[in-house]
Amino acid sequence: MANNSVKFSVFTKPWKMELNELGKFVSGLGFDGIELPVRDEYQVPPDKVEQLPAAAKVLADYGVEICSIAGPTDERTIAACAEAGVPTIRVCVSVGEDGYLATEARVQKEYDELVPMLDSYGVRIGVQNHCNNCVANAVGTLRLIEKYDPKHVGAVWDPAHCALDGEIPEIAVDVLWSHLCMVNLKNGIWQRTNGPEAEVAEWQSYWTSGRQGLASWPRVAELLMQRGWQGVVCLCAEYSDHDEVERLIAEDMAFARPLFE
C-alpha cells in the first residue's frame, strides 16, 4: 500500500521545456510534484515571478504540484508563492569572506527581518545543507535556524551532502527533526582526481544514482518512517553523467518510492 503521507517531488533543474511538456514528463515519471527553479532561462524567471500561480495551474492539469521553488526570498517571490500555494522556498547558505560565524549572524539578521512577512504570507524558507563553502551538515543547519519557528524557517535535509561531510543519517535526522520541512534525495561519492603516485591526493565529489552513493537511501527512509515522517521527498536529479539524467531519475524514482511504503 502506498504511503499517501509522503509526496515525491523532483527538482526540474535539468529541464527547461515548456510547462505543458514538463507537466506531462514529470507525471509520466510518477512524481507528485516538482521543485521549480525560479531562475533565468527557466519557465518562471525571477523578474516574472508573478507568473508562478499561472504555472501552478498548468502543472495541476497533469496532477503535478509545485511543492517548492529554488529562488530568491524577496517579497515579490514570497507573495507569488503564497498565491500559487507553494509552501517552501529552498535556499543554501554560502559562507562569506568574513567567515562562518559572521555569515551566520548576517543570515539570522536577514531572517529576523523576513519572519513577519513569511508569517503574513504563510510561506517558509527551507535551508538545505550543501557542499563546499556552504553550511554543510545537519548540526550547522540547526545552529543557524533553531531560533525560528519551523513554519517560518525550516530545514531541508540532504543526506548525500551529510554523507560526503561524514555525518551519518541517524545523527542528522535526530538533529533536524524539530525543523524538518523537506528531504532531498540524491547520492554521491568521493572520486580521486589524481593518481596514487602524486605527493598529495586530490578528490572531488561525483554525483551518482541513489543505489551507488555514500548515503544509504534505505537507512534514510527507515529512519524517517520510524518517526512518522509526513512531507515532501524531493529527488534532485543531480548526476555527474549529464547524458544519462532521464534514465537515472526514472531508475531512482523506482528505487525510492517502495522504500517509503
C-alpha atoms as a PDB file:
ATOM      1  CA  MET A   1       0.000   0.000   0.000  1.00  0.00           C
ATOM      2  CA  ALA A   2       1.350   3.430  -0.893  1.00  0.00           C
ATOM      3  CA  ASN A   3       2.221   5.870   1.855  1.00  0.00           C
ATOM      4  CA  ASN A   4      -0.048   8.783   0.995  1.00  0.00           C
ATOM      5  CA  SER A   5       1.583  10.994   3.651  1.00  0.00           C
ATOM      6  CA  VAL A   6       4.771  11.242   1.567  1.00  0.00           C
ATOM      7  CA  LYS A   7       4.835  13.311  -1.627  1.00  0.00           C
ATOM      8  CA  PHE A   8       7.554  12.668  -4.181  1.00  0.00           C
ATOM      9  CA  SER A   9       8.895  15.718  -5.922  1.00  0.00           C
ATOM     10  CA  VAL A  10      11.700  16.230  -8.428  1.00  0.00           C
ATOM     11  CA  PHE A  11      13.980  19.240  -8.879  1.00  0.00           C
ATOM     12  CA  THR A  12      13.450  20.219 -12.506  1.00  0.00           C
ATOM     13  CA  LYS A  13      16.794  21.982 -12.968  1.00  0.00           C
ATOM     14  CA  PRO A  14      17.813  19.663 -15.871  1.00  0.00           C
ATOM     15  CA  TRP A  15      14.719  20.515 -17.931  1.00  0.00           C
ATOM     16  CA  LYS A  16      13.909  23.893 -19.496  1.00  0.00           C
ATOM     17  CA  MET A  17      10.999  22.600 -21.595  1.00  0.00           C
ATOM     18  CA  GLU A  18       7.650  24.375 -21.875  1.00  0.00           C
ATOM     19  CA  LEU A  19       5.320  23.942 -18.885  1.00  0.00           C
ATOM     20  CA  ASN A  20       2.807  21.588 -20.522  1.00  0.00           C
ATOM     21  CA  GLU A  21       5.629  19.375 -21.703  1.00  0.00           C
ATOM     22  CA  LEU A  22       7.225  19.496 -18.256  1.00  0.00           C
ATOM     23  CA  GLY A  23       3.972  18.531 -16.539  1.00  0.00           C
ATOM     24  CA  LYS A  24       3.442  15.586 -18.869  1.00  0.00           C
ATOM     25  CA  PHE A  25       7.060  14.461 -18.466  1.00  0.00           C
ATOM     26  CA  VAL A  26       7.129  14.658 -14.663  1.00  0.00           C
ATOM     27  CA  SER A  27       3.750  12.984 -14.288  1.00  0.00           C
ATOM     28  CA  GLY A  28       4.909  10.187 -16.559  1.00  0.00           C
ATOM     29  CA  LEU A  29       7.838   9.521 -14.247  1.00  0.00           C
ATOM     30  CA  GLY A  30       5.411   9.035 -11.349  1.00  0.00           C
ATOM     31  CA  PHE A  31       6.164  12.180  -9.352  1.00  0.00           C
ATOM     32  CA  ASP A  32       3.518  14.025  -7.352  1.00  0.00           C
ATOM     33  CA  GLY A  33       5.198  17.391  -7.680  1.00  0.00           C
ATOM     34  CA  ILE A  34       8.265  19.411  -8.523  1.00  0.00           C
ATOM     35  CA  GLU A  35      10.720  21.873  -7.133  1.00  0.00           C
ATOM     36  CA  LEU A  36      10.783  24.635  -9.728  1.00  0.00           C
ATOM     37  CA  PRO A  37      13.923  26.707 -10.278  1.00  0.00           C
ATOM     38  CA  VAL A  38      12.879  30.362 -10.282  1.00  0.00           C
ATOM     39  CA  ARG A  39      15.956  31.333 -12.242  1.00  0.00           C
ATOM     40  CA  ASP A  40      16.804  32.979 -15.518  1.00  0.00           C
ATOM     41  CA  GLU A  41      16.149  30.824 -18.601  1.00  0.00           C
ATOM     42  CA  TYR A  42      13.626  28.640 -16.742  1.00  0.00           C
ATOM     43  CA  GLN A  43       9.835  28.513 -17.005  1.00  0.00           C
ATOM     44  CA  VAL A  44       9.337  31.241 -14.361  1.00  0.00           C
ATOM     45  CA  PRO A  45      12.309  33.641 -14.155  1.00  0.00           C
ATOM     46  CA  PRO A  46      12.762  35.913 -11.114  1.00  0.00           C
ATOM     47  CA  ASP A  47      11.732  39.074 -12.980  1.00  0.00           C
ATOM     48  CA  LYS A  48       8.432  37.410 -13.942  1.00  0.00           C
ATOM     49  CA  VAL A  49       7.765  35.578 -10.680  1.00  0.00           C
ATOM     50  CA  GLU A  50       4.148  36.775 -10.738  1.00  0.00           C
ATOM     51  CA  GLN A  51       3.646  34.066 -13.379  1.00  0.00           C
ATOM     52  CA  LEU A  52       4.099  31.387 -10.713  1.00  0.00           C
ATOM     53  CA  PRO A  53       0.363  30.942  -9.928  1.00  0.00           C
ATOM     54  CA  ALA A  54      -0.403  30.508 -13.633  1.00  0.00           C
ATOM     55  CA  ALA A  55       2.417  27.961 -13.921  1.00  0.00           C
ATOM     56  CA  ALA A  56       0.985  26.062 -10.955  1.00  0.00           C
ATOM     57  CA  LYS A  57      -2.388  25.849 -12.699  1.00  0.00           C
ATOM     58  CA  VAL A  58      -0.814  24.469 -15.885  1.00  0.00           C
ATOM     59  CA  LEU A  59       1.060  21.788 -13.956  1.00  0.00           C
ATOM     60  CA  ALA A  60      -2.018  20.934 -11.887  1.00  0.00           C
ATOM     61  CA  ASP A  61      -3.721  19.800 -15.088  1.00  0.00           C
ATOM     62  CA  TYR A  62      -1.181  16.952 -15.115  1.00  0.00           C
ATOM     63  CA  GLY A  63      -1.590  16.166 -11.418  1.00  0.00           C
ATOM     64  CA  VAL A  64       1.705  17.873 -10.602  1.00  0.00           C
ATOM     65  CA  GLU A  65       2.077  20.244  -7.646  1.00  0.00           C
ATOM     66  CA  ILE A  66       4.807  22.859  -7.146  1.00  0.00           C
ATOM     67  CA  CYS A  67       5.978  21.653  -3.732  1.00  0.00           C
ATOM     68  CA  SER A  68       8.855  24.133  -3.501  1.00  0.00           C
ATOM     69  CA  ILE A  69      10.876  26.580  -5.516  1.00  0.00           C
ATOM     70  CA  ALA A  70      14.589  27.266  -5.599  1.00  0.00           C
ATOM     71  CA  GLY A  71      14.752  31.018  -5.836  1.00  0.00           C
ATOM     72  CA  PRO A  72      15.040  34.391  -4.121  1.00  0.00           C
ATOM     73  CA  THR A  73      13.404  35.358  -0.829  1.00  0.00           C
ATOM     74  CA  ASP A  74      12.183  38.874  -1.686  1.00  0.00           C
ATOM     75  CA  GLU A  75       8.579  39.919  -1.080  1.00  0.00           C
ATOM     76  CA  ARG A  76       7.564  39.538  -4.744  1.00  0.00           C
ATOM     77  CA  THR A  77       8.632  35.897  -4.676  1.00  0.00           C
ATOM     78  CA  ILE A  78       7.113  35.194  -1.278  1.00  0.00           C
ATOM     79  CA  ALA A  79       3.796  36.747  -2.370  1.00  0.00           C
ATOM     80  CA  ALA A  80       3.803  34.744  -5.614  1.00  0.00           C
ATOM     81  CA  CYS A  81       4.447  31.535  -3.669  1.00  0.00           C
ATOM     82  CA  ALA A  82       1.538  32.301  -1.361  1.00  0.00           C
ATOM     83  CA  GLU A  83      -0.809  32.906  -4.294  1.00  0.00           C
ATOM     84  CA  ALA A  84       0.377  29.750  -6.057  1.00  0.00           C
ATOM     85  CA  GLY A  85       0.120  27.595  -2.933  1.00  0.00           C
ATOM     86  CA  VAL A  86       3.861  26.898  -2.804  1.00  0.00           C
ATOM     87  CA  PRO A  87       4.867  26.400   0.848  1.00  0.00           C
ATOM     88  CA  THR A  88       8.672  26.415   0.677  1.00  0.00           C
ATOM     89  CA  ILE A  89      11.476  28.467  -0.852  1.00  0.00           C
ATOM     90  CA  ARG A  90      14.599  26.305  -0.699  1.00  0.00           C
ATOM     91  CA  VAL A  91      17.927  28.044  -0.199  1.00  0.00           C
ATOM     92  CA  CYS A  92      21.536  27.146   0.562  1.00  0.00           C
ATOM     93  CA  VAL A  93      23.711  29.401   2.694  1.00  0.00           C
ATOM     94  CA  SER A  94      27.156  30.255   1.358  1.00  0.00           C
ATOM     95  CA  VAL A  95      29.845  31.295   3.821  1.00  0.00           C
ATOM     96  CA  GLY A  96      31.125  34.789   3.060  1.00  0.00           C
ATOM     97  CA  GLU A  97      34.676  36.077   3.065  1.00  0.00           C
ATOM     98  CA  ASP A  98      34.106  37.428   6.572  1.00  0.00           C
ATOM     99  CA  GLY A  99      33.900  33.871   7.923  1.00  0.00           C
ATOM    100  CA  TYR A 100      31.426  31.303   9.178  1.00  0.00           C
ATOM    101  CA  LEU A 101      30.249  32.990  12.367  1.00  0.00           C
ATOM    102  CA  ALA A 102      29.851  36.372  10.714  1.00  0.00           C
ATOM    103  CA  THR A 103      27.834  34.733   7.935  1.00  0.00           C
ATOM    104  CA  GLU A 104      25.609  33.050  10.483  1.00  0.00           C
ATOM    105  CA  ALA A 105      24.933  36.348  12.260  1.00  0.00           C
ATOM    106  CA  ARG A 106      24.252  38.153   8.977  1.00  0.00           C
ATOM    107  CA  VAL A 107      21.854  35.482   7.702  1.00  0.00           C
ATOM    108  CA  GLN A 108      19.978  35.392  11.013  1.00  0.00           C
ATOM    109  CA  LYS A 109      19.539  39.170  10.841  1.00  0.00           C
ATOM    110  CA  GLU A 110      18.100  38.752   7.344  1.00  0.00           C
ATOM    111  CA  TYR A 111      15.726  36.029   8.529  1.00  0.00           C
ATOM    112  CA  ASP A 112      14.707  38.091  11.571  1.00  0.00           C
ATOM    113  CA  GLU A 113      13.533  40.793   9.178  1.00  0.00           C
ATOM    114  CA  LEU A 114      11.743  38.289   6.912  1.00  0.00           C
ATOM    115  CA  VAL A 115       9.795  36.444   9.636  1.00  0.00           C
ATOM    116  CA  PRO A 116       6.831  38.883   9.805  1.00  0.00           C
ATOM    117  CA  MET A 117       6.477  38.705   6.025  1.00  0.00           C
ATOM    118  CA  LEU A 118       6.780  34.906   5.969  1.00  0.00           C
ATOM    119  CA  ASP A 119       4.174  34.705   8.706  1.00  0.00           C
ATOM    120  CA  SER A 120       1.805  37.034   6.886  1.00  0.00           C
ATOM    121  CA  TYR A 121       2.007  35.105   3.610  1.00  0.00           C
ATOM    122  CA  GLY A 122       2.191  31.615   5.122  1.00  0.00           C
ATOM    123  CA  VAL A 123       5.412  30.719   3.284  1.00  0.00           C
ATOM    124  CA  ARG A 124       8.621  29.358   4.769  1.00  0.00           C
ATOM    125  CA  ILE A 125      12.301  29.341   3.887  1.00  0.00           C
ATOM    126  CA  GLY A 126      13.806  25.852   3.765  1.00  0.00           C
ATOM    127  CA  VAL A 127      17.558  25.880   4.422  1.00  0.00           C
ATOM    128  CA  GLN A 128      19.369  22.957   2.806  1.00  0.00           C
ATOM    129  CA  ASN A 129      22.789  21.728   3.877  1.00  0.00           C
ATOM    130  CA  HIS A 130      25.118  21.827   0.885  1.00  0.00           C
ATOM    131  CA  CYS A 131      28.756  21.240  -0.017  1.00  0.00           C
ATOM    132  CA  ASN A 132      31.972  23.195  -0.413  1.00  0.00           C
ATOM    133  CA  ASN A 133      31.765  26.705   1.049  1.00  0.00           C
ATOM    134  CA  CYS A 134      28.239  26.316   2.437  1.00  0.00           C
ATOM    135  CA  VAL A 135      26.603  25.295   5.694  1.00  0.00           C
ATOM    136  CA  ALA A 136      27.283  21.637   5.018  1.00  0.00           C
ATOM    137  CA  ASN A 137      25.722  19.433   7.672  1.00  0.00           C
ATOM    138  CA  ALA A 138      22.749  18.980   9.960  1.00  0.00           C
ATOM    139  CA  VAL A 139      24.478  20.355  13.048  1.00  0.00           C
ATOM    140  CA  GLY A 140      25.403  23.572  11.260  1.00  0.00           C
ATOM    141  CA  THR A 141      21.928  23.903   9.773  1.00  0.00           C
ATOM    142  CA  LEU A 142      20.211  23.568  13.131  1.00  0.00           C
ATOM    143  CA  ARG A 143      22.569  26.076  14.729  1.00  0.00           C
ATOM    144  CA  LEU A 144      21.595  28.556  12.026  1.00  0.00           C
ATOM    145  CA  ILE A 145      17.802  28.091  12.206  1.00  0.00           C
ATOM    146  CA  GLU A 146      16.999  26.722  15.670  1.00  0.00           C
ATOM    147  CA  LYS A 147      15.782  30.090  16.992  1.00  0.00           C
ATOM    148  CA  TYR A 148      12.987  30.224  14.389  1.00  0.00           C
ATOM    149  CA  ASP A 149       9.556  28.649  14.316  1.00  0.00           C
ATOM    150  CA  PRO A 150       9.785  25.902  11.654  1.00  0.00           C
ATOM    151  CA  LYS A 151       6.687  27.316   9.965  1.00  0.00           C
ATOM    152  CA  HIS A 152       8.891  30.311   9.090  1.00  0.00           C
ATOM    153  CA  VAL A 153      12.356  28.780   8.626  1.00  0.00           C
ATOM    154  CA  GLY A 154      12.720  25.034   8.284  1.00  0.00           C
ATOM    155  CA  ALA A 155      15.402  22.504   7.399  1.00  0.00           C
ATOM    156  CA  VAL A 156      15.814  20.684   4.092  1.00  0.00           C
ATOM    157  CA  TRP A 157      17.862  17.591   4.899  1.00  0.00           C
ATOM    158  CA  ASP A 158      20.209  16.397   2.181  1.00  0.00           C
ATOM    159  CA  PRO A 159      21.663  13.068   3.369  1.00  0.00           C
ATOM    160  CA  ALA A 160      24.112  12.896   0.452  1.00  0.00           C
ATOM    161  CA  HIS A 161      25.850  16.099   1.493  1.00  0.00           C
ATOM    162  CA  CYS A 162      25.840  14.874   5.092  1.00  0.00           C
ATOM    163  CA  ALA A 163      27.468  11.628   3.966  1.00  0.00           C
ATOM    164  CA  LEU A 164      30.159  13.448   1.994  1.00  0.00           C
ATOM    165  CA  ASP A 165      30.721  15.562   5.110  1.00  0.00           C
ATOM    166  CA  GLY A 166      30.997  12.476   7.344  1.00  0.00           C
ATOM    167  CA  GLU A 167      27.667  12.873   9.189  1.00  0.00           C
ATOM    168  CA  ILE A 168      25.600   9.682   9.499  1.00  0.00           C
ATOM    169  CA  PRO A 169      21.803   9.764   8.954  1.00  0.00           C
ATOM    170  CA  GLU A 170      20.989   8.616  12.498  1.00  0.00           C
ATOM    171  CA  ILE A 171      22.596  11.779  13.845  1.00  0.00           C
ATOM    172  CA  ALA A 172      21.314  14.082  11.119  1.00  0.00           C
ATOM    173  CA  VAL A 173      17.644  13.128  11.394  1.00  0.00           C
ATOM    174  CA  ASP A 174      17.745  13.480  15.178  1.00  0.00           C
ATOM    175  CA  VAL A 175      19.376  16.906  14.952  1.00  0.00           C
ATOM    176  CA  LEU A 176      16.988  18.284  12.312  1.00  0.00           C
ATOM    177  CA  TRP A 177      13.731  16.598  13.248  1.00  0.00           C
ATOM    178  CA  SER A 178      12.225  19.586  15.084  1.00  0.00           C
ATOM    179  CA  HIS A 179      12.590  21.793  11.998  1.00  0.00           C
ATOM    180  CA  LEU A 180      12.458  19.283   9.149  1.00  0.00           C
ATOM    181  CA  CYS A 181      10.274  20.510   6.287  1.00  0.00           C
ATOM    182  CA  MET A 182      11.614  18.592   3.290  1.00  0.00           C
ATOM    183  CA  VAL A 183      14.064  15.815   2.424  1.00  0.00           C
ATOM    184  CA  ASN A 184      16.360  15.908  -0.611  1.00  0.00           C
ATOM    185  CA  LEU A 185      17.457  12.618  -2.125  1.00  0.00           C
ATOM    186  CA  LYS A 186      20.494  12.345  -4.349  1.00  0.00           C
ATOM    187  CA  ASN A 187      23.733  10.435  -3.901  1.00  0.00           C
ATOM    188  CA  GLY A 188      27.436  10.958  -4.290  1.00  0.00           C
ATOM    189  CA  ILE A 189      30.894   9.543  -3.740  1.00  0.00           C
ATOM    190  CA  TRP A 190      34.364  10.976  -3.379  1.00  0.00           C
ATOM    191  CA  GLN A 191      36.349  10.382  -6.567  1.00  0.00           C
ATOM    192  CA  ARG A 192      40.124  10.757  -6.713  1.00  0.00           C
ATOM    193  CA  THR A 193      41.272  13.174  -9.420  1.00  0.00           C
ATOM    194  CA  ASN A 194      44.992  12.354  -9.431  1.00  0.00           C
ATOM    195  CA  GLY A 195      46.999   9.158  -9.373  1.00  0.00           C
ATOM    196  CA  PRO A 196      48.484   7.249  -6.414  1.00  0.00           C
ATOM    197  CA  GLU A 197      51.951   8.487  -7.348  1.00  0.00           C
ATOM    198  CA  ALA A 198      51.004  12.093  -6.521  1.00  0.00           C
ATOM    199  CA  GLU A 199      52.559  13.674  -3.444  1.00  0.00           C
ATOM    200  CA  VAL A 200      49.115  14.656  -2.095  1.00  0.00           C
ATOM    201  CA  ALA A 201      45.792  13.050  -3.032  1.00  0.00           C
ATOM    202  CA  GLU A 202      43.099  15.252  -4.545  1.00  0.00           C
ATOM    203  CA  TRP A 203      39.393  14.446  -4.561  1.00  0.00           C
ATOM    204  CA  GLN A 204      36.126  15.710  -5.985  1.00  0.00           C
ATOM    205  CA  SER A 205      32.507  14.738  -5.468  1.00  0.00           C
ATOM    206  CA  TYR A 206      30.832  12.618  -8.124  1.00  0.00           C
ATOM    207  CA  TRP A 207      27.036  12.518  -8.279  1.00  0.00           C
ATOM    208  CA  THR A 208      25.715   9.053  -8.958  1.00  0.00           C
ATOM    209  CA  SER A 209      22.465   7.070  -8.715  1.00  0.00           C
ATOM    210  CA  GLY A 210      20.585   6.508  -5.478  1.00  0.00           C
ATOM    211  CA  ARG A 211      21.810   2.936  -5.102  1.00  0.00           C
ATOM    212  CA  GLN A 212      25.506   3.700  -5.561  1.00  0.00           C
ATOM    213  CA  GLY A 213      26.475   6.575  -3.257  1.00  0.00           C
ATOM    214  CA  LEU A 214      27.661   7.058   0.310  1.00  0.00           C
ATOM    215  CA  ALA A 215      24.187   7.902   1.633  1.00  0.00           C
ATOM    216  CA  SER A 216      22.021   4.827   2.174  1.00  0.00           C
ATOM    217  CA  TRP A 217      18.541   5.679   0.938  1.00  0.00           C
ATOM    218  CA  PRO A 218      17.063   2.611   2.695  1.00  0.00           C
ATOM    219  CA  ARG A 219      18.511   3.793   6.023  1.00  0.00           C
ATOM    220  CA  VAL A 220      17.265   7.331   5.430  1.00  0.00           C
ATOM    221  CA  ALA A 221      13.760   6.114   4.594  1.00  0.00           C
ATOM    222  CA  GLU A 222      13.655   3.736   7.560  1.00  0.00           C
ATOM    223  CA  LEU A 223      14.695   6.461   9.990  1.00  0.00           C
ATOM    224  CA  LEU A 224      12.096   8.862   8.630  1.00  0.00           C
ATOM    225  CA  MET A 225       9.280   6.334   8.645  1.00  0.00           C
ATOM    226  CA  GLN A 226      10.137   5.238  12.188  1.00  0.00           C
ATOM    227  CA  ARG A 227       9.474   8.830  13.231  1.00  0.00           C
ATOM    228  CA  GLY A 228       6.269   9.084  11.201  1.00  0.00           C
ATOM    229  CA  TRP A 229       7.569  11.435   8.529  1.00  0.00           C
ATOM    230  CA  GLN A 230       4.854  13.173   6.536  1.00  0.00           C
ATOM    231  CA  GLY A 231       6.048  15.547   3.873  1.00  0.00           C
ATOM    232  CA  VAL A 232       7.947  16.049   0.660  1.00  0.00           C
ATOM    233  CA  VAL A 233      10.807  13.862  -0.531  1.00  0.00           C
ATOM    234  CA  CYS A 234      12.482  15.655  -3.422  1.00  0.00           C
ATOM    235  CA  LEU A 235      14.732  13.762  -5.809  1.00  0.00           C
ATOM    236  CA  CYS A 236      17.337  16.229  -7.017  1.00  0.00           C
ATOM    237  CA  ALA A 237      18.064  14.746 -10.467  1.00  0.00           C
ATOM    238  CA  GLU A 238      21.715  15.687  -9.989  1.00  0.00           C
ATOM    239  CA  TYR A 239      24.119  13.389 -11.796  1.00  0.00           C
ATOM    240  CA  SER A 240      27.663  13.924 -12.985  1.00  0.00           C
ATOM    241  CA  ASP A 241      26.810  11.925 -16.108  1.00  0.00           C
ATOM    242  CA  HIS A 242      24.608  14.588 -17.689  1.00  0.00           C
ATOM    243  CA  ASP A 243      23.790  12.420 -20.706  1.00  0.00           C
ATOM    244  CA  GLU A 244      22.033   9.825 -18.535  1.00  0.00           C
ATOM    245  CA  VAL A 245      19.832  12.093 -16.391  1.00  0.00           C
ATOM    246  CA  GLU A 246      16.481  10.853 -17.709  1.00  0.00           C
ATOM    247  CA  ARG A 247      17.411   7.175 -17.350  1.00  0.00           C
ATOM    248  CA  LEU A 248      18.863   7.681 -13.886  1.00  0.00           C
ATOM    249  CA  ILE A 249      15.990   9.742 -12.487  1.00  0.00           C
ATOM    250  CA  ALA A 250      13.493   7.109 -13.657  1.00  0.00           C
ATOM    251  CA  GLU A 251      15.561   4.375 -12.002  1.00  0.00           C
ATOM    252  CA  ASP A 252      15.940   6.415  -8.806  1.00  0.00           C
ATOM    253  CA  MET A 253      12.217   7.078  -8.597  1.00  0.00           C
ATOM    254  CA  ALA A 254      11.529   3.347  -8.972  1.00  0.00           C
ATOM    255  CA  PHE A 255      14.089   2.700  -6.207  1.00  0.00           C
ATOM    256  CA  ALA A 256      12.912   5.414  -3.815  1.00  0.00           C
ATOM    257  CA  ARG A 257       9.135   5.054  -3.717  1.00  0.00           C
ATOM    258  CA  PRO A 258       8.967   1.496  -2.307  1.00  0.00           C
ATOM    259  CA  LEU A 259      11.355   2.482   0.497  1.00  0.00           C
ATOM    260  CA  PHE A 260       8.634   4.730   1.944  1.00  0.00           C
ATOM    261  CA  GLU A 261       5.777   2.210   1.687  1.00  0.00           C
END
